[in-house]
Amino acid sequence: MIKSEFLERVNRWPAMHFTVIEFEMRDGGYEIYLLDKSHQRVSRLLMYRTPDQQHARAMTTHFRDWLEKSNQGRIQVSQKAAGKSIFDKSSAALAIIREQTPQQIAAVRTV
């Protein structure tokens, strides 16, 4: 799996906040899961299967790095969105007011 595939799969679940990665032996191979422990229940997303434990460890290391970067990006985007929403609304309102002629402003006040 490459990073873009990993991020695509994680981003399919925007309400989930995956913070833990684990792998376990199952059916003669290893499965790697992302875990979301932010709710009362633990949610698990199967990310990868491999027959080899060493490969599972290596992929878990890659996934951990990618997940940390993804979570940092999500936090920054949500902070920007929260900050921009207020700014954008104020800027949009100010732009509308500036474009109005004195007659339009007077008409709004009389209504």
Protein backbone atom coordinates (compact mmCIF):
# COMPACT_ATOMS: atom_id res chain seq x y z
CA MET A 1 0.00 0.00 0.00
CA ILE A 2 1.23 3.47 -0.81
CA LYS A 3 0.59 6.64 1.16
CA SER A 4 -2.13 7.96 -1.16
CA GLU A 5 -4.12 4.71 -0.81
CA PHE A 6 -3.72 4.85 2.95
CA LEU A 7 -4.94 8.46 3.14
CA GLU A 8 -7.83 7.76 0.79
CA ARG A 9 -9.03 4.93 3.00
CA VAL A 10 -8.66 6.97 6.21
CA ASN A 11 -10.46 9.96 4.68
CA ARG A 12 -13.48 7.83 3.78
CA TRP A 13 -14.32 8.00 7.50
CA PRO A 14 -14.25 11.74 8.33
CA ALA A 15 -16.16 11.31 11.59
CA MET A 16 -13.58 8.84 12.89
CA HIS A 17 -10.41 9.92 14.65
CA PHE A 18 -7.91 7.09 14.34
CA THR A 19 -5.05 7.33 16.82
CA VAL A 20 -3.85 3.77 17.40
CA ILE A 21 -2.42 1.16 15.03
CA GLU A 22 -2.18 -2.51 15.87
CA PHE A 23 -1.66 -5.76 14.07
CA GLU A 24 -2.79 -9.23 15.01
CA MET A 25 -2.42 -12.73 13.73
CA ARG A 26 -5.49 -14.05 11.97
CA ASP A 27 -6.02 -17.02 9.65
CA GLY A 28 -2.30 -17.70 9.28
CA GLY A 29 -1.46 -14.11 8.39
CA TYR A 30 -1.39 -10.67 9.96
CA GLU A 31 -3.98 -7.92 9.77
CA ILE A 32 -3.24 -4.28 10.51
CA TYR A 33 -6.00 -2.14 12.00
CA LEU A 34 -6.46 1.55 12.76
CA LEU A 35 -8.37 2.19 15.97
CA ASP A 36 -10.62 5.06 16.98
CA LYS A 37 -11.02 5.21 20.74
CA SER A 38 -12.68 8.61 20.88
CA HIS A 39 -16.18 7.26 21.49
CA GLN A 40 -17.54 4.88 24.11
CA ARG A 41 -16.80 2.01 21.76
CA VAL A 42 -13.55 1.19 20.02
CA SER A 43 -13.87 1.23 16.24
CA ARG A 44 -11.43 -0.71 14.09
CA LEU A 45 -10.67 -0.24 10.40
CA LEU A 46 -8.86 -3.05 8.62
CA MET A 47 -6.09 -1.47 6.57
CA TYR A 48 -3.81 -4.24 5.38
CA ARG A 49 -3.19 -8.01 5.34
CA THR A 50 0.15 -9.75 5.00
CA PRO A 51 1.36 -13.31 5.59
CA ASP A 52 4.64 -12.15 7.14
CA GLN A 53 5.11 -10.70 10.65
CA GLN A 54 8.20 -8.72 9.68
CA HIS A 55 6.30 -7.09 6.82
CA ALA A 56 3.40 -6.35 9.18
CA ARG A 57 5.80 -4.58 11.56
CA ALA A 58 7.32 -2.54 8.72
CA MET A 59 3.92 -1.52 7.37
CA THR A 60 2.73 -0.63 10.88
CA THR A 61 5.68 1.76 11.16
CA HIS A 62 4.81 3.40 7.82
CA PHE A 63 1.14 3.62 8.74
CA ARG A 64 1.96 5.19 12.11
CA ASP A 65 3.99 7.95 10.40
CA TRP A 66 1.31 8.53 7.79
CA LEU A 67 -1.45 8.59 10.39
CA GLU A 68 0.37 11.16 12.53
CA LYS A 69 0.83 13.43 9.50
CA SER A 70 -2.77 12.91 8.45
CA ASN A 71 -4.07 13.78 11.92
CA GLN A 72 -1.87 16.90 12.05
CA GLY A 73 -3.26 17.94 8.67
CA ARG A 74 -6.83 17.36 9.80
CA ILE A 75 -6.28 19.49 12.91
CA GLN A 76 -4.76 22.32 10.87
CA VAL A 77 -7.58 22.18 8.30
CA SER A 78 -10.26 22.23 11.00
CA GLN A 79 -8.56 25.16 12.75
CA LYS A 80 -8.31 27.05 9.48
CA ALA A 81 -11.92 26.28 8.64
CA ALA A 82 -13.08 27.48 12.04
CA GLY A 83 -11.04 30.66 11.75
CA LYS A 84 -11.92 31.31 8.13
CA SER A 85 -15.63 30.81 8.56
CA ILE A 86 -15.89 33.80 10.88
CA PHE A 87 -13.50 35.87 8.79
CA ASP A 88 -15.16 34.94 5.50
CA LYS A 89 -18.61 35.81 6.81
CA SER A 90 -17.41 39.18 8.09
CA SER A 91 -15.53 39.90 4.88
CA ALA A 92 -18.51 38.92 2.76
CA ALA A 93 -20.84 41.15 4.79
CA LEU A 94 -18.38 44.04 4.58
CA ALA A 95 -17.99 43.61 0.82
CA ILE A 96 -21.77 43.68 0.37
CA ILE A 97 -22.06 46.84 2.45
CA ARG A 98 -19.23 48.55 0.54
CA GLU A 99 -20.87 47.75 -2.81
CA GLN A 100 -24.18 49.29 -1.78
CA THR A 101 -24.99 52.81 -2.77
CA PRO A 102 -26.24 55.28 -0.13
CA GLN A 103 -29.74 54.90 -1.61
CA GLN A 104 -29.64 51.10 -1.15
CA ILE A 105 -28.47 51.46 2.43
CA ALA A 106 -31.26 53.98 3.13
CA ALA A 107 -33.81 51.63 1.54
CA VAL A 108 -32.73 48.75 3.79
CA ARG A 109 -33.03 50.97 6.86
CA THR A 110 -36.58 52.04 5.99
CA VAL A 111 -37.84 48.48 5.48
